[in-house]
Protein backbone atom coordinates (compact mmCIF):
# COMPACT_ATOMS: atom_id res chain seq x y z
CA MET A 1 0.00 0.00 0.00
CA THR A 2 2.80 2.45 0.82
CA GLU A 3 4.15 2.31 -2.73
CA ALA A 4 0.82 3.62 -4.04
CA LEU A 5 1.38 6.80 -2.02
CA LEU A 6 4.89 7.46 -3.32
CA LEU A 7 5.44 9.54 -6.43
CA ASN A 8 8.68 8.16 -7.84
CA GLU A 9 8.91 10.77 -10.57
CA GLU A 10 10.29 14.20 -11.13
CA VAL A 11 7.73 16.94 -11.44
CA ASP A 12 8.01 18.98 -14.64
CA SER A 13 9.55 22.35 -13.74
CA ARG A 14 7.37 24.05 -16.38
CA ILE A 15 4.24 22.84 -14.57
CA VAL A 16 5.60 24.10 -11.23
CA THR A 17 6.39 27.49 -12.78
CA ASP A 18 2.90 27.65 -14.32
CA THR A 19 1.33 26.63 -11.00
CA LEU A 20 3.20 29.43 -9.23
CA SER A 21 2.50 32.09 -11.85
CA ASN A 22 -1.12 31.27 -12.65
CA GLY A 23 -2.13 29.73 -9.34
CA TYR A 24 -0.54 32.16 -6.91
CA GLY A 25 0.67 35.21 -8.84
CA GLU A 26 3.42 36.73 -10.92
CA ASN A 27 6.68 38.02 -9.44
CA LEU A 28 6.27 36.46 -6.00
CA SER A 29 8.70 37.76 -3.39
CA ASP A 30 11.05 35.52 -1.43
CA VAL A 31 8.79 35.96 1.61
CA GLU A 32 5.75 34.87 -0.41
CA LEU A 33 7.59 31.86 -1.83
CA GLU A 34 8.64 30.83 1.66
CA LYS A 35 5.02 31.03 2.84
CA ILE A 36 3.77 28.96 -0.11
CA ALA A 37 6.50 26.37 0.62
CA MET A 38 6.07 23.05 -1.23
CA ASP A 39 2.39 23.40 -2.12
CA PRO A 40 3.06 24.18 -5.82
CA PHE A 41 5.07 20.95 -6.14
CA LEU A 42 2.26 18.92 -4.59
CA ILE A 43 -0.33 20.55 -6.85
CA SER A 44 1.95 20.11 -9.87
CA HIS A 45 2.20 16.37 -9.21
CA GLY A 46 -1.60 16.31 -9.24
CA ARG A 47 -1.64 18.25 -12.50
CA MET A 48 0.54 15.62 -14.15
CA ASP A 49 -2.34 13.10 -14.00
CA VAL A 50 -5.61 14.83 -13.11
CA GLU A 51 -7.65 11.73 -13.97
CA ASN A 52 -5.93 9.54 -11.38
CA ARG A 53 -4.58 11.84 -8.67
CA VAL A 54 -6.18 13.74 -5.83
CA VAL A 55 -4.37 16.13 -3.49
CA VAL A 56 -5.06 15.66 0.21
CA SER A 57 -4.90 18.85 2.25
CA ALA A 58 -5.92 20.02 5.70
CA GLU A 59 -6.54 23.51 4.31
CA VAL A 60 -10.06 24.84 3.84
CA SER A 61 -11.05 26.83 0.77
CA LYS A 62 -10.93 30.60 1.02
CA LYS A 63 -11.70 31.91 -2.44
CA SER A 64 -10.98 35.54 -1.53
CA ALA A 65 -7.34 34.81 -0.59
CA GLN A 66 -4.73 36.23 -2.95
CA ARG A 67 -1.12 35.41 -3.87
CA SER A 68 0.77 33.56 -1.11
CA LYS A 69 -2.38 33.37 1.02
CA ARG A 70 -4.20 31.20 -1.53
CA ARG A 71 -5.24 27.83 -0.23
CA VAL A 72 -4.40 24.46 -1.78
CA PRO A 73 -8.04 23.48 -2.52
CA ASP A 74 -8.59 26.72 -4.46
CA VAL A 75 -5.43 26.39 -6.55
CA CYS A 76 -6.24 22.72 -7.23
CA HIS A 77 -9.75 23.66 -8.36
CA GLU A 78 -8.34 26.30 -10.71
CA PHE A 79 -6.25 23.66 -12.48
CA GLY A 80 -8.86 20.89 -12.43
CA VAL A 81 -7.02 18.83 -9.81
CA GLY A 82 -9.15 16.93 -7.34
CA CYS A 83 -8.62 17.90 -3.72
CA THR A 84 -9.97 16.40 -0.52
CA ASP A 85 -9.31 16.42 3.20
CA ILE A 86 -8.28 13.49 5.40
CA TYR A 87 -11.92 12.59 6.03
CA GLY A 88 -12.64 12.42 2.31
CA LEU A 89 -9.54 10.26 1.87
CA ASN A 90 -10.71 7.89 4.60
CA ARG A 91 -14.15 7.62 2.98
CA ALA A 92 -12.66 7.04 -0.48
CA LEU A 93 -10.42 4.28 0.88
CA ASN A 94 -13.28 2.86 2.96
CA PHE A 95 -11.03 3.13 5.99
CA SER A 96 -12.42 2.22 9.36
CA THR A 97 -11.24 0.91 12.69
CA SER A 98 -12.71 -1.65 15.01
CA TRP A 99 -12.28 0.66 17.99
CA LYS A 100 -15.29 0.77 20.20
CA LYS A 101 -15.90 3.32 22.85
CA GLU A 102 -16.30 1.64 26.20
CA VAL A 103 -19.03 2.98 28.44
């Protein structure tokens, strides 16, 4: 199962550049790039196969956010990349536990 979660490929630098420019904004400052961190790489991996990949993020959409304050779900949506949270991932994988709350 772990292998299915690993992306053993290089992301195309042109896609990362496009994700930064068109997803976050042109001419981002060093401070903005630091705030964005690795999100554009994650989104770019999703963009490389939008039919079969979904980005999992704890962030919640905030459509009014601009530039480095944009949220992963909003940038994913802009590029047609599926995005879900951990609960959606658990539902999609039909994950459950046998834990029972003792009374």
